[in-house]
C-alpha cells in the first residue's frame, strides 16, 4: 500500500511540475543536496543526517499549488508590474501596491524572507520537524527566485511567440545536460547581515538574463524547420506542442553555462540562508535533535564533501536526484 501510494503521489507531482513550470524534481533536489555540503561543522551533520528528507521534499511547494490557491504567487515575481524603486519590505509593498496587485504580480522575494523567519523560529524552538519542513521549502523558493523566467510577465515566452520556453530552459535543458554541469562550489556558507538585500540582488541578476534567454531561442530557431523544432502530440483530444530533443540540445549549447550558473547561485544562497537562520536563532546545539552520528557517518559525510568539492558526486552515484530511489518515487 505504501509503495502504491508513493507512486501515485509522484505521478501527481510530475504532472503538476510539467504543467506549472518549475525546475522540477531534478534541479530542486540537486540544489537542496549541494547546499548541505557548504554548511559549517556546527550544523552540517544535522542537515546531512536528514538529507533524504530535504532532497525528497524540495518540490513540495509545487504540489501545494493544486490545493492552495494562495500558493502560485509565492513562486515568481513579474518585475515589470512593480515599476522602479521596488520596496524590499513586505509592509511597504502592501501599502504601495495592495494585496490584489501583489497576488497577480507574484512576490517570491518577500515570501523567501517570510520563510526565513519561520525557519529561524523553528531553530529557536528546536523543533526538528519544523526545521526540516521550512528548510526544504525555503530551498524551493530560493531556487525559483533565480530562474530568469520567474521574474517576468513573459514567463513562458508567450508574449514573443516562444511559448514553451519556460519548461525548455528549466526542465528539458538540465535533464539533458546535468551530467556536464559543474556540481561543485568553493563557496562555504556565510552569515548574511542583510538577507533581503542578497535575495533581491539575486532576483534582479536573474531578471537581467531574460533578454538572453529569449534571444538565444530565436537565434537557434533559424537553423530548424518547424518540424525539426517542435513535436506535436494529442493530449485529451487537444494538440500539444513541445520542443524536440535536438532543439533543446542546440539551445543548451547556445546558453553556455547559464542554467548551471543559476543552479549554483541558488545553492550558495540557500546555504547562506540556512546558516543565517541558525545564527539568528542563537546558534542552538543541534546534536540533541540530530540523533546518532557515528564515526562511519562522519567519514561518509566528509567523503561526500570531498566529492562535492571535486565535482565527483555524479561520478560516484551520490547525486540523489539521479538515484533510482528518488526517480522511482520511493523515499520520504
Protein backbone atom coordinates (compact mmCIF):
# COMPACT_ATOMS: atom_id res chain seq x y z
CA UNK A 1 0.00 0.00 0.00
CA UNK A 2 2.79 2.47 0.91
CA UNK A 3 4.60 1.75 -2.36
CA UNK A 4 1.46 2.27 -4.44
CA UNK A 5 0.66 5.50 -2.65
CA UNK A 6 4.21 6.72 -3.19
CA UNK A 7 3.98 6.04 -6.92
CA UNK A 8 0.61 7.79 -7.13
CA UNK A 9 1.90 10.88 -5.33
CA UNK A 10 4.96 11.01 -7.55
CA UNK A 11 2.84 10.80 -10.69
CA UNK A 12 0.61 13.60 -9.47
CA UNK A 13 3.64 15.72 -8.67
CA UNK A 14 5.15 15.01 -12.07
CA UNK A 15 2.01 16.25 -13.80
CA UNK A 16 1.98 19.38 -11.64
CA UNK A 17 5.60 20.20 -12.36
CA UNK A 18 5.23 19.88 -16.10
CA UNK A 19 2.03 21.92 -16.21
CA UNK A 20 3.04 24.73 -13.85
CA UNK A 21 6.65 25.17 -14.92
CA UNK A 22 9.36 24.65 -12.31
CA UNK A 23 12.90 23.41 -12.00
CA UNK A 24 11.14 20.14 -11.23
CA UNK A 25 12.47 17.10 -9.41
CA UNK A 26 15.98 17.21 -10.76
CA UNK A 27 17.27 20.71 -10.06
CA UNK A 28 15.26 21.45 -6.92
CA UNK A 29 16.56 18.25 -5.37
CA UNK A 30 20.09 18.86 -6.60
CA UNK A 31 20.17 22.35 -5.07
CA UNK A 32 18.95 21.16 -1.67
CA UNK A 33 21.59 18.43 -1.60
CA UNK A 34 24.53 20.55 -2.74
CA UNK A 35 23.72 23.28 -0.20
CA UNK A 36 24.23 20.81 2.64
CA UNK A 37 27.90 20.36 1.71
CA UNK A 38 28.52 24.12 2.08
CA UNK A 39 27.42 24.25 5.73
CA UNK A 40 29.88 24.55 8.64
CA UNK A 41 30.51 21.69 11.02
CA UNK A 42 28.21 23.05 13.72
CA UNK A 43 25.09 22.41 11.63
CA UNK A 44 26.32 20.30 8.72
CA UNK A 45 25.84 16.92 10.44
CA UNK A 46 22.18 17.70 11.25
CA UNK A 47 21.40 18.61 7.65
CA UNK A 48 23.43 15.70 6.30
CA UNK A 49 21.67 13.23 8.59
CA UNK A 50 18.34 14.50 7.22
CA UNK A 51 19.43 14.80 3.60
CA UNK A 52 16.87 12.29 2.33
CA UNK A 53 14.00 14.38 3.68
CA UNK A 54 15.41 17.72 2.49
CA UNK A 55 16.10 16.41 -1.00
CA UNK A 56 12.92 14.42 -1.50
CA UNK A 57 10.58 17.17 -0.32
CA UNK A 58 12.19 20.04 -2.22
CA UNK A 59 9.45 20.03 -4.95
CA UNK A 60 6.65 20.02 -2.33
CA UNK A 61 5.55 23.67 -2.77
CA UNK A 62 4.65 22.91 -6.38
CA UNK A 63 2.39 20.11 -5.25
CA UNK A 64 0.56 22.54 -2.96
CA UNK A 65 -0.43 24.64 -5.95
CA UNK A 66 -3.15 22.11 -6.74
CA UNK A 67 -4.87 22.52 -3.39
CA UNK A 68 -3.88 26.02 -2.24
CA UNK A 69 -4.92 28.97 -4.43
CA UNK A 70 -2.60 31.24 -2.47
CA UNK A 71 0.49 29.22 -3.41
CA UNK A 72 1.16 30.25 -7.03
CA UNK A 73 2.32 33.89 -6.48
CA UNK A 74 4.91 32.67 -3.97
CA UNK A 75 6.96 31.22 -6.84
CA UNK A 76 7.51 34.22 -9.12
CA UNK A 77 7.60 37.99 -9.45
CA UNK A 78 6.68 39.91 -12.59
CA UNK A 79 9.04 42.82 -12.10
CA UNK A 80 7.52 44.81 -14.95
CA UNK A 81 4.37 45.24 -12.87
CA UNK A 82 6.30 46.67 -9.93
CA UNK A 83 7.94 49.59 -11.70
CA UNK A 84 11.02 51.33 -10.35
CA UNK A 85 12.27 51.63 -6.77
CA UNK A 86 10.53 48.49 -5.56
CA UNK A 87 10.22 48.41 -1.75
CA UNK A 88 12.11 45.47 -0.30
CA UNK A 89 9.94 45.21 2.82
CA UNK A 90 6.55 43.47 2.63
CA UNK A 91 4.52 46.08 4.62
CA UNK A 92 5.73 48.83 2.29
CA UNK A 93 4.90 46.72 -0.75
CA UNK A 94 1.37 46.07 0.51
CA UNK A 95 0.91 49.78 1.20
CA UNK A 96 2.09 50.79 -2.28
CA UNK A 97 0.56 48.08 -4.48
CA UNK A 98 -2.21 46.40 -2.48
CA UNK A 99 -2.65 42.68 -1.91
CA UNK A 100 -4.66 42.07 -5.10
CA UNK A 101 -1.88 43.50 -7.26
CA UNK A 102 0.80 41.59 -5.36
CA UNK A 103 -1.07 38.32 -5.82
CA UNK A 104 -1.29 39.00 -9.53
CA UNK A 105 2.33 40.07 -9.98
CA UNK A 106 3.85 37.46 -7.65
CA UNK A 107 6.05 38.08 -4.61
CA UNK A 108 8.67 35.34 -4.29
CA UNK A 109 11.40 37.56 -2.70
CA UNK A 110 9.04 38.60 0.09
CA UNK A 111 7.93 35.03 0.67
CA UNK A 112 11.53 33.84 0.96
CA UNK A 113 12.05 36.32 3.79
CA UNK A 114 8.86 35.11 5.48
CA UNK A 115 10.06 31.51 5.21
CA UNK A 116 13.44 32.53 6.58
CA UNK A 117 11.73 33.95 9.67
CA UNK A 118 9.73 30.72 10.10
CA UNK A 119 12.91 28.64 9.89
CA UNK A 120 14.63 30.88 12.44
CA UNK A 121 11.71 30.43 14.82
CA UNK A 122 11.88 26.66 14.33
CA UNK A 123 15.57 26.70 15.29
CA UNK A 124 14.75 28.73 18.42
CA UNK A 125 12.10 26.17 19.39
CA UNK A 126 14.45 23.29 18.47
CA UNK A 127 11.51 21.68 16.69
CA UNK A 128 13.10 19.16 14.35
CA UNK A 129 10.03 18.60 12.18
CA UNK A 130 9.51 22.33 11.66
CA UNK A 131 13.19 22.94 10.94
CA UNK A 132 13.20 20.32 8.20
CA UNK A 133 9.86 21.45 6.78
CA UNK A 134 10.85 25.09 6.44
CA UNK A 135 14.43 24.30 5.35
CA UNK A 136 13.18 22.11 2.48
CA UNK A 137 10.56 24.64 1.34
CA UNK A 138 12.96 27.57 1.64
CA UNK A 139 15.22 25.81 -0.83
CA UNK A 140 12.38 25.56 -3.32
CA UNK A 141 11.51 29.25 -3.26
CA UNK A 142 15.13 30.38 -3.46
CA UNK A 143 15.65 28.12 -6.46
CA UNK A 144 12.56 29.55 -8.18
CA UNK A 145 13.64 33.12 -7.47
CA UNK A 146 16.84 32.79 -9.53
CA UNK A 147 15.13 31.38 -12.62
CA UNK A 148 15.04 34.21 -15.19
CA UNK A 149 11.56 33.39 -16.45
CA UNK A 150 10.21 33.56 -12.89
CA UNK A 151 10.96 37.31 -12.90
CA UNK A 152 8.97 38.45 -15.93
CA UNK A 153 5.45 38.72 -17.36
CA UNK A 154 6.77 36.87 -20.41
CA UNK A 155 7.24 33.81 -18.19
CA UNK A 156 6.72 31.22 -20.95
CA UNK A 157 7.77 33.23 -23.98
CA UNK A 158 4.05 33.59 -24.70
CA UNK A 159 4.35 37.31 -25.43
CA UNK A 160 7.08 36.82 -28.04
CA UNK A 161 5.74 33.74 -29.86
CA UNK A 162 8.10 31.46 -27.92
CA UNK A 163 5.54 29.55 -25.89
CA UNK A 164 7.04 26.55 -24.11
CA UNK A 165 10.32 28.33 -23.37
CA UNK A 166 9.80 28.03 -19.61
CA UNK A 167 9.95 24.24 -19.41
CA UNK A 168 12.64 24.17 -22.10
CA UNK A 169 15.01 26.35 -20.06
CA UNK A 170 14.48 24.95 -16.59
CA UNK A 171 13.44 21.35 -17.19
CA UNK A 172 14.47 19.97 -20.58
CA UNK A 173 17.89 21.59 -20.72
CA UNK A 174 19.10 20.49 -17.25
CA UNK A 175 17.67 16.99 -17.73
CA UNK A 176 19.74 16.65 -20.89
CA UNK A 177 22.88 18.41 -19.68
CA UNK A 178 23.32 17.85 -15.95
CA UNK A 179 25.99 15.21 -16.50
CA UNK A 180 28.10 18.02 -18.00
CA UNK A 181 27.44 20.52 -15.21
CA UNK A 182 29.81 21.71 -12.54
CA UNK A 183 28.04 20.48 -9.41
CA UNK A 184 30.59 21.92 -7.03
CA UNK A 185 31.40 25.27 -5.48
CA UNK A 186 34.22 26.75 -3.46
CA UNK A 187 31.63 28.79 -1.57
CA UNK A 188 31.04 28.00 2.09
CA UNK A 189 28.05 29.31 3.98
CA UNK A 190 28.41 32.83 5.36
CA UNK A 191 26.20 34.90 7.63
CA UNK A 192 24.01 37.36 5.75
CA UNK A 193 23.81 40.67 7.59
CA UNK A 194 21.08 41.79 5.22
CA UNK A 195 19.34 38.71 3.76
CA UNK A 196 16.74 40.81 1.95
CA UNK A 197 19.43 42.68 0.06
CA UNK A 198 21.08 39.46 -1.09
CA UNK A 199 17.78 37.89 -2.13
CA UNK A 200 16.70 40.91 -4.18
CA UNK A 201 20.17 41.11 -5.70
CA UNK A 202 19.81 37.52 -6.91
CA UNK A 203 16.33 38.21 -8.31
CA UNK A 204 17.48 41.24 -10.29
CA UNK A 205 20.52 39.33 -11.56
CA UNK A 206 18.18 36.60 -12.81
CA UNK A 207 15.95 39.19 -14.48
CA UNK A 208 18.97 40.59 -16.32
CA UNK A 209 19.33 37.20 -18.03
CA UNK A 210 15.83 37.28 -19.56
CA UNK A 211 16.78 39.04 -22.84
CA UNK A 212 19.47 36.43 -23.49
CA UNK A 213 17.12 33.55 -22.69
CA UNK A 214 14.71 34.86 -25.34
CA UNK A 215 17.30 35.88 -27.90
CA UNK A 216 19.18 32.56 -27.83
CA UNK A 217 15.96 30.71 -28.63
CA UNK A 218 15.40 32.96 -31.65
CA UNK A 219 18.98 32.51 -32.84
CA UNK A 220 18.84 28.72 -32.62
CA UNK A 221 15.43 28.63 -34.32
CA UNK A 222 16.95 29.94 -37.54
CA UNK A 223 18.63 26.56 -38.06
CA UNK A 224 15.48 24.48 -37.52
CA UNK A 225 12.34 23.94 -39.55
CA UNK A 226 9.07 23.92 -37.57
CA UNK A 227 9.00 20.11 -37.89
CA UNK A 228 12.53 19.85 -36.51
CA UNK A 229 11.91 22.36 -33.74
CA UNK A 230 8.65 21.03 -32.34
CA UNK A 231 6.99 17.72 -31.70
CA UNK A 232 3.22 17.63 -31.74
CA UNK A 233 1.19 15.26 -29.58
CA UNK A 234 -2.51 14.76 -28.87
CA UNK A 235 -3.45 15.03 -25.19
CA UNK A 236 -7.08 14.64 -24.14
CA UNK A 237 -8.17 15.30 -27.69
CA UNK A 238 -6.15 18.50 -27.96
CA UNK A 239 -2.99 19.19 -29.88
CA UNK A 240 0.04 19.82 -27.68
CA UNK A 241 3.33 21.24 -28.94
CA UNK A 242 6.72 20.95 -27.25
CA UNK A 243 10.35 21.38 -28.24
CA UNK A 244 12.27 18.45 -29.70
CA UNK A 245 15.31 16.97 -28.01
CA UNK A 246 17.50 18.09 -30.92
CA UNK A 247 16.38 21.69 -30.50
CA UNK A 248 16.78 21.53 -26.71
CA UNK A 249 20.37 20.34 -27.10
CA UNK A 250 21.16 23.12 -29.57
CA UNK A 251 19.56 25.69 -27.28
CA UNK A 252 21.53 24.34 -24.31
CA UNK A 253 24.75 24.76 -26.25
CA UNK A 254 23.85 28.34 -27.11
CA UNK A 255 23.15 29.17 -23.46
CA UNK A 256 26.60 28.09 -22.36
CA UNK A 257 26.76 27.74 -18.57
CA UNK A 258 23.74 29.97 -17.80
CA UNK A 259 21.50 27.25 -16.34
CA UNK A 260 24.40 25.69 -14.44
CA UNK A 261 25.34 29.14 -13.12
CA UNK A 262 21.85 29.76 -11.72
CA UNK A 263 21.77 26.33 -10.12
CA UNK A 264 24.93 27.23 -8.20
CA UNK A 265 23.65 30.72 -7.35
CA UNK A 266 20.66 29.07 -5.67
CA UNK A 267 22.91 26.53 -3.94
CA UNK A 268 25.16 29.18 -2.40
CA UNK A 269 22.28 31.45 -1.37
CA UNK A 270 20.35 28.60 0.22
CA UNK A 271 23.35 27.51 2.29
CA UNK A 272 23.81 31.12 3.44
CA UNK A 273 20.14 31.42 4.41
CA UNK A 274 20.10 28.14 6.34
CA UNK A 275 23.21 29.21 8.22
CA UNK A 276 21.88 32.72 8.85
CA UNK A 277 18.65 31.36 10.32
CA UNK A 278 20.63 29.19 12.71
CA UNK A 279 22.88 32.08 13.79
CA UNK A 280 19.89 34.41 14.27
CA UNK A 281 18.28 31.74 16.44
CA UNK A 282 21.24 31.94 18.81
CA UNK A 283 23.31 29.07 17.41
CA UNK A 284 21.44 26.29 19.21
CA UNK A 285 23.24 22.97 19.66
CA UNK A 286 21.61 20.65 17.12
CA UNK A 287 23.25 17.50 18.46
CA UNK A 288 20.20 16.70 20.60
CA UNK A 289 17.93 16.51 17.53
CA UNK A 290 20.47 15.09 15.12
CA UNK A 291 20.34 11.61 16.58
CA UNK A 292 23.22 9.19 16.40
CA UNK A 293 26.10 10.31 14.20
CA UNK A 294 28.64 7.52 14.22
CA UNK A 295 32.25 7.55 13.10
CA UNK A 296 31.17 5.90 9.85
CA UNK A 297 28.51 8.59 9.36
CA UNK A 298 31.15 11.26 9.85
CA UNK A 299 33.57 9.54 7.45
CA UNK A 300 30.89 9.27 4.79
CA UNK A 301 29.91 12.91 5.35
CA UNK A 302 33.49 14.09 4.92
CA UNK A 303 33.95 11.88 1.86
CA UNK A 304 30.88 13.36 0.19
CA UNK A 305 32.07 16.90 0.93
CA UNK A 306 35.28 15.93 -0.85
CA UNK A 307 33.36 14.55 -3.82
CA UNK A 308 31.29 17.74 -3.91
CA UNK A 309 34.40 19.92 -3.89
CA UNK A 310 35.89 17.87 -6.71
CA UNK A 311 32.68 17.74 -8.78
CA UNK A 312 32.60 13.96 -8.35
CA UNK A 313 29.13 13.35 -6.92
CA UNK A 314 27.64 12.13 -10.20
CA UNK A 315 30.68 10.01 -10.98
CA UNK A 316 30.29 8.25 -7.63
CA UNK A 317 26.49 7.85 -7.96
CA UNK A 318 25.87 10.14 -4.99
CA UNK A 319 23.59 12.74 -6.59
CA UNK A 320 20.27 11.79 -5.05
CA UNK A 321 18.15 13.44 -7.74
CA UNK A 322 19.64 10.87 -10.13
CA UNK A 323 19.25 7.88 -7.83
CA UNK A 324 16.73 5.13 -8.52
CA UNK A 325 15.27 5.63 -5.03
CA UNK A 326 14.09 9.14 -5.85
CA UNK A 327 13.40 8.78 -9.57
CA UNK A 328 11.05 5.86 -8.89
CA UNK A 329 9.14 7.81 -6.28
CA UNK A 330 10.48 6.00 -3.22
CA UNK A 331 11.62 7.90 -0.18
CA UNK A 332 10.06 10.15 2.41
